[in-house]
């Protein structure tokens, strides 16, 4: 992988998404934020994304998390997807994606991605 690590962060909470982007960038990861499924796919199709971090609950009227994951897998199955969930007991965590609770500290998420980057 040439250059720095590139994260696509998908979340409809602009404040959280922008804070996460600043955290990733502070440790050398390039980051782009998308606020919905279709904008995330547009970014994914035109950039060399290394990992996708997405909230499970996306805006109403948009494709859900499983549809987004499926569309990503159809395009580039090797790209990891990290799902952020507020209540893990309410979701099927046995999906092909990595399930994590929405972190109380964004730094925890940065560390999780950095660990994946080195493997």
N, C-alpha and C. Protein backbone atom coordinates (compact mmCIF):
# COMPACT_ATOMS: atom_id res chain seq x y z
N UNK A 1 0.84 -1.15 0.00
CA UNK A 1 0.00 0.00 0.00
C UNK A 1 0.90 1.23 0.00
N UNK A 2 0.88 2.02 -1.05
CA UNK A 2 1.68 3.21 -1.13
C UNK A 2 1.00 4.36 -0.42
N UNK A 3 1.80 5.29 0.11
CA UNK A 3 1.21 6.46 0.76
C UNK A 3 0.60 6.10 2.10
N UNK A 4 -0.22 6.99 2.61
CA UNK A 4 -0.82 6.76 3.91
C UNK A 4 -2.12 5.96 3.81
N UNK A 5 -2.53 5.45 4.92
CA UNK A 5 -3.74 4.65 5.05
C UNK A 5 -4.95 5.53 4.82
N UNK A 6 -5.97 5.05 4.08
CA UNK A 6 -7.13 5.87 3.73
C UNK A 6 -8.40 5.27 4.33
N UNK A 7 -9.07 6.03 5.19
CA UNK A 7 -10.28 5.60 5.89
C UNK A 7 -11.49 6.32 5.29
N UNK A 8 -12.56 5.56 5.00
CA UNK A 8 -13.85 6.14 4.64
C UNK A 8 -14.75 5.98 5.86
N UNK A 9 -15.19 7.11 6.43
CA UNK A 9 -16.02 7.10 7.63
C UNK A 9 -17.44 7.47 7.23
N UNK A 10 -18.41 6.56 7.49
CA UNK A 10 -19.81 6.77 7.09
C UNK A 10 -20.66 6.85 8.35
N UNK A 11 -21.27 8.01 8.56
CA UNK A 11 -22.10 8.21 9.74
C UNK A 11 -22.98 9.41 9.50
N UNK A 12 -24.23 9.36 9.94
CA UNK A 12 -25.11 10.51 9.75
C UNK A 12 -24.97 11.54 10.87
N UNK A 13 -24.15 11.26 11.86
CA UNK A 13 -23.87 12.20 12.95
C UNK A 13 -22.62 13.00 12.55
N UNK A 14 -22.83 14.19 12.01
CA UNK A 14 -21.73 15.00 11.48
C UNK A 14 -20.69 15.33 12.55
N UNK A 15 -21.14 15.64 13.75
CA UNK A 15 -20.20 16.00 14.81
C UNK A 15 -19.28 14.83 15.14
N UNK A 16 -19.86 13.65 15.31
CA UNK A 16 -19.06 12.45 15.61
C UNK A 16 -18.14 12.10 14.44
N UNK A 17 -18.68 12.14 13.22
CA UNK A 17 -17.89 11.78 12.04
C UNK A 17 -16.71 12.72 11.86
N UNK A 18 -16.93 14.00 12.01
CA UNK A 18 -15.84 14.96 11.84
C UNK A 18 -14.80 14.84 12.94
N UNK A 19 -15.24 14.55 14.18
CA UNK A 19 -14.29 14.33 15.28
C UNK A 19 -13.46 13.09 15.01
N UNK A 20 -14.09 12.03 14.51
CA UNK A 20 -13.36 10.81 14.18
C UNK A 20 -12.35 11.08 13.08
N UNK A 21 -12.75 11.83 12.05
CA UNK A 21 -11.84 12.16 10.95
C UNK A 21 -10.61 12.91 11.47
N UNK A 22 -10.83 13.86 12.37
CA UNK A 22 -9.69 14.60 12.94
C UNK A 22 -8.76 13.66 13.71
N UNK A 23 -9.35 12.72 14.43
CA UNK A 23 -8.54 11.74 15.19
C UNK A 23 -7.70 10.89 14.24
N UNK A 24 -8.32 10.35 13.21
CA UNK A 24 -7.59 9.53 12.24
C UNK A 24 -6.46 10.32 11.60
N UNK A 25 -6.77 11.54 11.22
CA UNK A 25 -5.77 12.39 10.56
C UNK A 25 -4.63 12.74 11.50
N UNK A 26 -4.91 12.84 12.80
CA UNK A 26 -3.86 13.17 13.76
C UNK A 26 -2.82 12.06 13.90
N UNK A 27 -3.19 10.84 13.50
CA UNK A 27 -2.24 9.72 13.55
C UNK A 27 -1.80 9.31 12.14
N UNK A 28 -2.00 10.19 11.18
CA UNK A 28 -1.46 9.98 9.84
C UNK A 28 -2.34 9.25 8.85
N UNK A 29 -3.60 9.03 9.19
CA UNK A 29 -4.50 8.36 8.25
C UNK A 29 -5.29 9.41 7.48
N UNK A 30 -5.31 9.28 6.16
CA UNK A 30 -6.18 10.16 5.37
C UNK A 30 -7.61 9.69 5.60
N UNK A 31 -8.52 10.65 5.68
CA UNK A 31 -9.91 10.31 6.01
C UNK A 31 -10.86 11.13 5.17
N UNK A 32 -11.91 10.47 4.70
CA UNK A 32 -13.00 11.18 4.04
C UNK A 32 -14.28 10.74 4.73
N UNK A 33 -15.19 11.70 4.93
CA UNK A 33 -16.45 11.44 5.61
C UNK A 33 -17.57 11.43 4.59
N UNK A 34 -18.47 10.46 4.73
CA UNK A 34 -19.70 10.41 3.93
C UNK A 34 -20.86 10.30 4.92
N UNK A 35 -21.97 10.99 4.60
CA UNK A 35 -23.09 11.03 5.53
C UNK A 35 -24.24 10.11 5.13
N UNK A 36 -24.02 9.24 4.14
CA UNK A 36 -25.05 8.30 3.73
C UNK A 36 -24.47 7.24 2.80
N UNK A 37 -25.28 6.25 2.51
CA UNK A 37 -24.85 5.10 1.70
C UNK A 37 -24.39 5.49 0.31
N UNK A 38 -25.21 6.26 -0.39
CA UNK A 38 -24.89 6.56 -1.79
C UNK A 38 -23.65 7.46 -1.89
N UNK A 39 -23.51 8.43 -0.98
CA UNK A 39 -22.31 9.25 -1.02
C UNK A 39 -21.08 8.42 -0.65
N UNK A 40 -21.24 7.46 0.24
CA UNK A 40 -20.14 6.57 0.59
C UNK A 40 -19.70 5.75 -0.62
N UNK A 41 -20.66 5.23 -1.37
CA UNK A 41 -20.32 4.45 -2.57
C UNK A 41 -19.64 5.32 -3.62
N UNK A 42 -20.09 6.56 -3.77
CA UNK A 42 -19.44 7.47 -4.72
C UNK A 42 -17.97 7.68 -4.36
N UNK A 43 -17.71 7.91 -3.07
CA UNK A 43 -16.34 8.09 -2.61
C UNK A 43 -15.55 6.81 -2.82
N UNK A 44 -16.13 5.69 -2.43
CA UNK A 44 -15.46 4.40 -2.53
C UNK A 44 -15.06 4.08 -3.98
N UNK A 45 -15.95 4.44 -4.91
CA UNK A 45 -15.69 4.14 -6.32
C UNK A 45 -14.59 5.00 -6.93
N UNK A 46 -14.29 6.15 -6.33
CA UNK A 46 -13.29 7.02 -6.96
C UNK A 46 -12.03 7.20 -6.12
N UNK A 47 -11.91 6.49 -5.00
CA UNK A 47 -10.72 6.61 -4.17
C UNK A 47 -10.21 5.21 -3.79
N UNK A 48 -8.96 5.15 -3.44
CA UNK A 48 -8.35 3.89 -3.01
C UNK A 48 -8.49 3.76 -1.50
N UNK A 49 -9.67 3.30 -1.06
CA UNK A 49 -10.00 3.20 0.36
C UNK A 49 -9.40 1.93 0.95
N UNK A 50 -8.79 2.05 2.14
CA UNK A 50 -8.19 0.90 2.81
C UNK A 50 -9.12 0.24 3.83
N UNK A 51 -10.00 1.03 4.43
CA UNK A 51 -10.95 0.50 5.42
C UNK A 51 -12.17 1.43 5.45
N UNK A 52 -13.32 0.81 5.70
CA UNK A 52 -14.56 1.58 5.84
C UNK A 52 -15.04 1.42 7.28
N UNK A 53 -15.40 2.55 7.89
CA UNK A 53 -16.00 2.56 9.21
C UNK A 53 -17.39 3.14 9.02
N UNK A 54 -18.42 2.38 9.38
CA UNK A 54 -19.79 2.85 9.16
C UNK A 54 -20.66 2.60 10.37
N UNK A 55 -21.52 3.55 10.62
CA UNK A 55 -22.54 3.39 11.64
C UNK A 55 -23.55 2.39 11.11
N UNK A 56 -24.09 1.56 11.97
CA UNK A 56 -25.11 0.60 11.56
C UNK A 56 -26.38 1.33 11.15
N UNK A 57 -26.73 2.36 11.91
CA UNK A 57 -27.95 3.10 11.62
C UNK A 57 -27.62 4.27 10.69
N UNK A 58 -28.01 4.12 9.43
CA UNK A 58 -27.77 5.16 8.44
C UNK A 58 -29.06 5.95 8.22
N UNK A 59 -28.99 7.08 7.53
CA UNK A 59 -30.18 7.92 7.38
C UNK A 59 -31.38 7.18 6.80
N UNK A 60 -32.56 7.58 7.25
CA UNK A 60 -33.80 6.99 6.73
C UNK A 60 -33.87 7.19 5.22
N UNK A 61 -34.37 6.17 4.54
CA UNK A 61 -34.49 6.25 3.09
C UNK A 61 -33.26 5.80 2.34
N UNK A 62 -32.18 5.49 3.05
CA UNK A 62 -30.95 5.03 2.43
C UNK A 62 -30.84 3.51 2.60
N UNK A 63 -29.99 2.90 1.81
CA UNK A 63 -29.73 1.47 1.96
C UNK A 63 -29.20 1.21 3.37
N UNK A 64 -29.55 0.08 3.94
CA UNK A 64 -29.10 -0.21 5.30
C UNK A 64 -27.66 -0.72 5.30
N UNK A 65 -27.16 -0.99 6.50
CA UNK A 65 -25.76 -1.40 6.65
C UNK A 65 -25.43 -2.67 5.89
N UNK A 66 -26.35 -3.64 5.84
CA UNK A 66 -26.04 -4.88 5.14
C UNK A 66 -26.00 -4.65 3.63
N UNK A 67 -26.85 -3.75 3.13
CA UNK A 67 -26.81 -3.42 1.70
C UNK A 67 -25.51 -2.70 1.37
N UNK A 68 -25.09 -1.77 2.22
CA UNK A 68 -23.83 -1.08 1.99
C UNK A 68 -22.68 -2.07 1.99
N UNK A 69 -22.64 -2.95 2.98
CA UNK A 69 -21.57 -3.95 3.05
C UNK A 69 -21.58 -4.84 1.81
N UNK A 70 -22.74 -5.23 1.36
CA UNK A 70 -22.85 -6.07 0.17
C UNK A 70 -22.33 -5.35 -1.08
N UNK A 71 -22.69 -4.09 -1.22
CA UNK A 71 -22.22 -3.32 -2.38
C UNK A 71 -20.70 -3.13 -2.35
N UNK A 72 -20.15 -2.93 -1.16
CA UNK A 72 -18.70 -2.81 -1.02
C UNK A 72 -18.04 -4.14 -1.37
N UNK A 73 -18.58 -5.23 -0.83
CA UNK A 73 -18.01 -6.56 -1.09
C UNK A 73 -18.05 -6.91 -2.58
N UNK A 74 -19.10 -6.49 -3.28
CA UNK A 74 -19.19 -6.72 -4.72
C UNK A 74 -18.09 -5.99 -5.48
N UNK A 75 -17.71 -4.83 -4.99
CA UNK A 75 -16.71 -4.02 -5.68
C UNK A 75 -15.28 -4.44 -5.33
N UNK A 76 -14.99 -4.52 -4.02
CA UNK A 76 -13.65 -4.88 -3.55
C UNK A 76 -13.78 -5.67 -2.25
N UNK A 77 -13.89 -6.98 -2.34
CA UNK A 77 -14.15 -7.80 -1.15
C UNK A 77 -13.05 -7.77 -0.10
N UNK A 78 -11.85 -7.36 -0.45
CA UNK A 78 -10.74 -7.37 0.50
C UNK A 78 -10.75 -6.17 1.45
N UNK A 79 -11.58 -5.17 1.18
CA UNK A 79 -11.61 -3.97 2.03
C UNK A 79 -12.39 -4.27 3.31
N UNK A 80 -11.73 -4.12 4.47
CA UNK A 80 -12.43 -4.38 5.74
C UNK A 80 -13.49 -3.32 6.01
N UNK A 81 -14.55 -3.75 6.67
CA UNK A 81 -15.64 -2.86 7.07
C UNK A 81 -15.81 -3.01 8.58
N UNK A 82 -15.74 -1.89 9.28
CA UNK A 82 -15.97 -1.88 10.72
C UNK A 82 -17.32 -1.25 10.95
N UNK A 83 -18.21 -1.99 11.61
CA UNK A 83 -19.55 -1.50 11.92
C UNK A 83 -19.56 -0.93 13.33
N UNK A 84 -20.08 0.28 13.47
CA UNK A 84 -20.23 0.89 14.78
C UNK A 84 -21.66 0.71 15.24
N UNK A 85 -21.83 0.13 16.40
CA UNK A 85 -23.17 -0.12 16.90
C UNK A 85 -23.28 0.35 18.35
N UNK A 86 -24.39 1.01 18.65
CA UNK A 86 -24.59 1.52 20.00
C UNK A 86 -25.05 0.42 20.95
N UNK A 87 -25.80 -0.56 20.43
CA UNK A 87 -26.34 -1.63 21.27
C UNK A 87 -26.06 -2.98 20.60
N UNK A 88 -24.89 -3.59 20.87
CA UNK A 88 -24.52 -4.81 20.17
C UNK A 88 -25.50 -5.95 20.34
N UNK A 89 -26.20 -6.01 21.46
CA UNK A 89 -27.15 -7.11 21.65
C UNK A 89 -28.33 -7.03 20.70
N UNK A 90 -28.56 -5.86 20.10
CA UNK A 90 -29.69 -5.67 19.20
C UNK A 90 -29.37 -5.98 17.75
N UNK A 91 -28.12 -6.36 17.46
CA UNK A 91 -27.71 -6.59 16.08
C UNK A 91 -27.03 -7.94 15.93
N UNK A 92 -27.10 -8.48 14.75
CA UNK A 92 -26.41 -9.72 14.43
C UNK A 92 -24.94 -9.42 14.25
N UNK A 93 -24.12 -9.77 15.22
CA UNK A 93 -22.69 -9.49 15.12
C UNK A 93 -21.93 -10.62 14.45
N UNK A 94 -22.63 -11.62 13.94
CA UNK A 94 -21.99 -12.74 13.25
C UNK A 94 -21.95 -12.47 11.75
N UNK A 95 -21.83 -11.23 11.38
CA UNK A 95 -21.76 -10.86 9.97
C UNK A 95 -20.32 -10.93 9.50
N UNK A 96 -20.07 -10.83 8.19
CA UNK A 96 -18.70 -10.87 7.70
C UNK A 96 -17.92 -9.60 8.06
N UNK A 97 -18.57 -8.65 8.69
CA UNK A 97 -17.94 -7.41 9.08
C UNK A 97 -17.48 -7.51 10.52
N UNK A 98 -16.62 -6.62 10.90
CA UNK A 98 -16.14 -6.57 12.27
C UNK A 98 -17.12 -5.72 13.05
N UNK A 99 -17.69 -6.23 14.11
CA UNK A 99 -18.67 -5.47 14.89
C UNK A 99 -17.99 -4.87 16.11
N UNK A 100 -18.20 -3.61 16.34
CA UNK A 100 -17.68 -2.93 17.51
C UNK A 100 -18.76 -2.02 18.05
N UNK A 101 -18.78 -1.82 19.35
CA UNK A 101 -19.68 -0.83 19.92
C UNK A 101 -19.18 0.56 19.54
N UNK A 102 -20.10 1.48 19.40
CA UNK A 102 -19.71 2.86 19.14
C UNK A 102 -18.85 3.30 20.31
N UNK A 103 -17.60 3.70 20.07
CA UNK A 103 -16.69 3.98 21.18
C UNK A 103 -17.05 5.26 21.91
N UNK A 104 -16.84 5.22 23.22
CA UNK A 104 -17.06 6.43 23.99
C UNK A 104 -15.91 7.41 23.74
N UNK A 105 -14.77 6.87 23.35
CA UNK A 105 -13.63 7.71 22.99
C UNK A 105 -13.22 7.34 21.57
N UNK A 106 -13.15 8.31 20.72
CA UNK A 106 -12.80 8.07 19.32
C UNK A 106 -11.40 7.48 19.20
N UNK A 107 -10.52 7.80 20.14
CA UNK A 107 -9.15 7.28 20.10
C UNK A 107 -9.14 5.75 20.10
N UNK A 108 -10.11 5.12 20.77
CA UNK A 108 -10.21 3.66 20.77
C UNK A 108 -10.40 3.13 19.35
N UNK A 109 -11.23 3.81 18.59
CA UNK A 109 -11.47 3.41 17.20
C UNK A 109 -10.22 3.58 16.36
N UNK A 110 -9.50 4.68 16.55
CA UNK A 110 -8.24 4.90 15.83
C UNK A 110 -7.26 3.76 16.09
N UNK A 111 -7.16 3.35 17.37
CA UNK A 111 -6.26 2.25 17.72
C UNK A 111 -6.68 0.95 17.05
N UNK A 112 -7.99 0.69 17.01
CA UNK A 112 -8.49 -0.54 16.38
C UNK A 112 -8.14 -0.57 14.90
N UNK A 113 -8.27 0.55 14.24
CA UNK A 113 -7.95 0.60 12.81
C UNK A 113 -6.45 0.49 12.60
N UNK A 114 -5.68 1.15 13.43
CA UNK A 114 -4.21 1.08 13.31
C UNK A 114 -3.74 -0.36 13.47
N UNK A 115 -4.33 -1.11 14.40
CA UNK A 115 -3.98 -2.53 14.59
C UNK A 115 -4.28 -3.31 13.32
N UNK A 116 -5.43 -3.09 12.71
CA UNK A 116 -5.79 -3.79 11.45
C UNK A 116 -4.84 -3.42 10.33
N UNK A 117 -4.36 -2.17 10.34
CA UNK A 117 -3.47 -1.71 9.29
C UNK A 117 -2.16 -2.49 9.32
N UNK A 118 -1.70 -2.87 10.49
CA UNK A 118 -0.43 -3.54 10.62
C UNK A 118 -0.52 -5.05 10.40
N UNK A 119 -1.73 -5.58 10.22
CA UNK A 119 -1.90 -7.03 10.00
C UNK A 119 -2.15 -7.35 8.57
